[in-house]
Every structure is written in structure tokens, then in C-alpha cells.
Amino acid sequence: MFLLQLLRLLRVLLLHLLLLRVIRLLFIQLHMLLVLLLLEFVSFLLLLRDLLFLLLLVLLVLLRVARIWSALCQGRKVVRMDGRAGSSGVL
């Protein structure tokens, strides 16, 4: 009888150890899930940063092209290269 009680106590102890192991495994899986979600969020933020940077570059290019066109028009006025002067220079 005493041996059976010891075996039952040992079985309860092993069950508790198993339960603790399962709980620890679940916590590890939960932590891994949180880490993966954070990594996905970080990658999304990096992509958003790159997209904003590219949009800024496009905006700068568009503004620069507008300045070049205005500079070309002003240059023609200063040098006076219009259609009449070009045709008279060829003759």
C-alpha cells in the first residue's frame, strides 16, 4: 500500500513537471509570435521610409526640371537666340 502511494505521488510530480514544460513551451511560442510580428512591423516601417524617400526624390526631380526649363527660357532671352537671328546668321 505504501509503495502505491509513493507511485501516485511520483506520478503527480511528473504530471506537474510535464505541465510546467508545456506551459514553458507555450510561452516560448508566444514570444516567438510576438518577435515575428515586431519584425514584420519593422520591415513595413522600413519599406514606408524607402517609399517616402523615393517620393521626395521624385518631387525634387520635378522641381529641378521646372527650374531647368525656366533657365533655358531665360538663357534664350539673354543671348537673343530667336528664329530671326538664326536665319539671318545662316545667310
C-alpha atoms as a PDB file:
ATOM      1  CA  MET A   1       0.000   0.000   0.000  1.00  0.00           C
ATOM      2  CA  PHE A   2       2.803   2.375   0.889  1.00  0.00           C
ATOM      3  CA  LEU A   3       4.513   1.698  -2.449  1.00  0.00           C
ATOM      4  CA  LEU A   4       1.319   2.517  -4.359  1.00  0.00           C
ATOM      5  CA  GLN A   5       1.017   5.850  -2.574  1.00  0.00           C
ATOM      6  CA  LEU A   6       4.614   6.698  -3.430  1.00  0.00           C
ATOM      7  CA  LEU A   7       3.996   5.827  -7.044  1.00  0.00           C
ATOM      8  CA  ARG A   8       0.919   8.054  -7.096  1.00  0.00           C
ATOM      9  CA  LEU A   9       2.894  10.930  -5.602  1.00  0.00           C
ATOM     10  CA  LEU A  10       5.620  10.394  -8.155  1.00  0.00           C
ATOM     11  CA  ARG A  11       3.024  10.374 -10.915  1.00  0.00           C
ATOM     12  CA  VAL A  12       1.554  13.671  -9.644  1.00  0.00           C
ATOM     13  CA  LEU A  13       5.040  15.182  -9.520  1.00  0.00           C
ATOM     14  CA  LEU A  14       5.744  14.044 -13.080  1.00  0.00           C
ATOM     15  CA  LEU A  15       2.412  15.444 -14.211  1.00  0.00           C
ATOM     16  CA  HIS A  16       3.293  18.805 -12.691  1.00  0.00           C
ATOM     17  CA  LEU A  17       6.674  18.755 -14.389  1.00  0.00           C
ATOM     18  CA  LEU A  18       5.043  17.912 -17.679  1.00  0.00           C
ATOM     19  CA  LEU A  19       2.511  20.675 -17.208  1.00  0.00           C
ATOM     20  CA  LEU A  20       5.287  23.164 -16.460  1.00  0.00           C
ATOM     21  CA  ARG A  21       7.112  22.051 -19.575  1.00  0.00           C
ATOM     22  CA  VAL A  22       4.017  22.521 -21.716  1.00  0.00           C
ATOM     23  CA  ILE A  23       3.399  25.960 -20.233  1.00  0.00           C
ATOM     24  CA  ARG A  24       7.027  26.921 -20.858  1.00  0.00           C
ATOM     25  CA  LEU A  25       6.739  25.730 -24.451  1.00  0.00           C
ATOM     26  CA  LEU A  26       3.578  27.791 -24.931  1.00  0.00           C
ATOM     27  CA  PHE A  27       5.305  30.879 -23.552  1.00  0.00           C
ATOM     28  CA  ILE A  28       8.222  30.351 -25.899  1.00  0.00           C
ATOM     29  CA  GLN A  29       5.845  30.057 -28.832  1.00  0.00           C
ATOM     30  CA  LEU A  30       4.026  33.187 -27.731  1.00  0.00           C
ATOM     31  CA  HIS A  31       7.296  35.084 -27.501  1.00  0.00           C
ATOM     32  CA  MET A  32       8.316  33.886 -30.945  1.00  0.00           C
ATOM     33  CA  LEU A  33       4.989  35.033 -32.341  1.00  0.00           C
ATOM     34  CA  LEU A  34       5.477  38.479 -30.821  1.00  0.00           C
ATOM     35  CA  VAL A  35       9.017  38.708 -32.176  1.00  0.00           C
ATOM     36  CA  LEU A  36       7.858  37.748 -35.666  1.00  0.00           C
ATOM     37  CA  LEU A  37       5.076  40.316 -35.571  1.00  0.00           C
ATOM     38  CA  LEU A  38       7.523  43.007 -34.478  1.00  0.00           C
ATOM     39  CA  LEU A  39       9.927  42.046 -37.248  1.00  0.00           C
ATOM     40  CA  GLU A  40       7.126  42.298 -39.788  1.00  0.00           C
ATOM     41  CA  PHE A  41       6.193  45.712 -38.431  1.00  0.00           C
ATOM     42  CA  VAL A  42       9.815  46.877 -38.638  1.00  0.00           C
ATOM     43  CA  SER A  43      10.091  45.717 -42.252  1.00  0.00           C
ATOM     44  CA  PHE A  44       6.851  47.567 -43.050  1.00  0.00           C
ATOM     45  CA  LEU A  45       8.259  50.740 -41.498  1.00  0.00           C
ATOM     46  CA  LEU A  46      11.480  50.391 -43.471  1.00  0.00           C
ATOM     47  CA  LEU A  47       9.547  49.982 -46.705  1.00  0.00           C
ATOM     48  CA  LEU A  48       7.446  53.011 -45.851  1.00  0.00           C
ATOM     49  CA  ARG A  49      10.596  55.037 -45.179  1.00  0.00           C
ATOM     50  CA  ASP A  50      12.053  53.995 -48.528  1.00  0.00           C
ATOM     51  CA  LEU A  51       8.814  54.883 -50.298  1.00  0.00           C
ATOM     52  CA  LEU A  52       8.780  58.343 -48.741  1.00  0.00           C
ATOM     53  CA  PHE A  53      12.406  58.836 -49.710  1.00  0.00           C
ATOM     54  CA  LEU A  54      11.645  57.891 -53.322  1.00  0.00           C
ATOM     55  CA  LEU A  55       8.672  60.239 -53.379  1.00  0.00           C
ATOM     56  CA  LEU A  56      10.914  63.019 -52.112  1.00  0.00           C
ATOM     57  CA  LEU A  57      13.412  62.281 -54.886  1.00  0.00           C
ATOM     58  CA  VAL A  58      10.643  62.382 -57.490  1.00  0.00           C
ATOM     59  CA  LEU A  59       9.457  65.699 -56.106  1.00  0.00           C
ATOM     60  CA  LEU A  60      12.987  67.100 -56.256  1.00  0.00           C
ATOM     61  CA  VAL A  61      13.417  65.898 -59.828  1.00  0.00           C
ATOM     62  CA  LEU A  62      10.136  67.510 -60.842  1.00  0.00           C
ATOM     63  CA  LEU A  63      11.136  70.797 -59.247  1.00  0.00           C
ATOM     64  CA  ARG A  64      14.586  70.630 -60.833  1.00  0.00           C
ATOM     65  CA  VAL A  65      13.115  70.019 -64.295  1.00  0.00           C
ATOM     66  CA  ALA A  66      10.908  73.074 -63.858  1.00  0.00           C
ATOM     67  CA  ARG A  67      13.984  75.147 -62.964  1.00  0.00           C
ATOM     68  CA  ILE A  68      15.895  73.870 -65.991  1.00  0.00           C
ATOM     69  CA  TRP A  69      13.059  74.794 -68.330  1.00  0.00           C
ATOM     70  CA  SER A  70      12.810  78.263 -66.809  1.00  0.00           C
ATOM     71  CA  ALA A  71      16.598  78.666 -67.041  1.00  0.00           C
ATOM     72  CA  LEU A  72      16.558  77.709 -70.722  1.00  0.00           C
ATOM     73  CA  CYS A  73      13.894  80.273 -71.495  1.00  0.00           C
ATOM     74  CA  GLN A  74      15.828  82.976 -69.654  1.00  0.00           C
ATOM     75  CA  GLY A  75      19.013  81.987 -71.445  1.00  0.00           C
ATOM     76  CA  ARG A  76      17.377  82.453 -74.830  1.00  0.00           C
ATOM     77  CA  LYS A  77      16.213  85.899 -73.834  1.00  0.00           C
ATOM     78  CA  VAL A  78      19.696  86.920 -72.706  1.00  0.00           C
ATOM     79  CA  VAL A  79      21.550  85.538 -75.725  1.00  0.00           C
ATOM     80  CA  ARG A  80      18.682  86.583 -78.079  1.00  0.00           C
ATOM     81  CA  MET A  81      18.620  83.330 -79.969  1.00  0.00           C
ATOM     82  CA  ASP A  82      15.274  83.517 -81.680  1.00  0.00           C
ATOM     83  CA  GLY A  83      14.161  82.374 -85.116  1.00  0.00           C
ATOM     84  CA  ARG A  84      15.055  85.624 -86.949  1.00  0.00           C
ATOM     85  CA  ALA A  85      18.576  85.889 -85.671  1.00  0.00           C
ATOM     86  CA  GLY A  86      19.302  82.228 -86.502  1.00  0.00           C
ATOM     87  CA  SER A  87      18.046  82.548 -90.082  1.00  0.00           C
ATOM     88  CA  SER A  88      19.921  85.805 -90.687  1.00  0.00           C
ATOM     89  CA  GLY A  89      23.136  84.239 -89.360  1.00  0.00           C
ATOM     90  CA  VAL A  90      22.909  81.355 -91.864  1.00  0.00           C
ATOM     91  CA  LEU A  91      22.581  83.693 -94.855  1.00  0.00           C
END
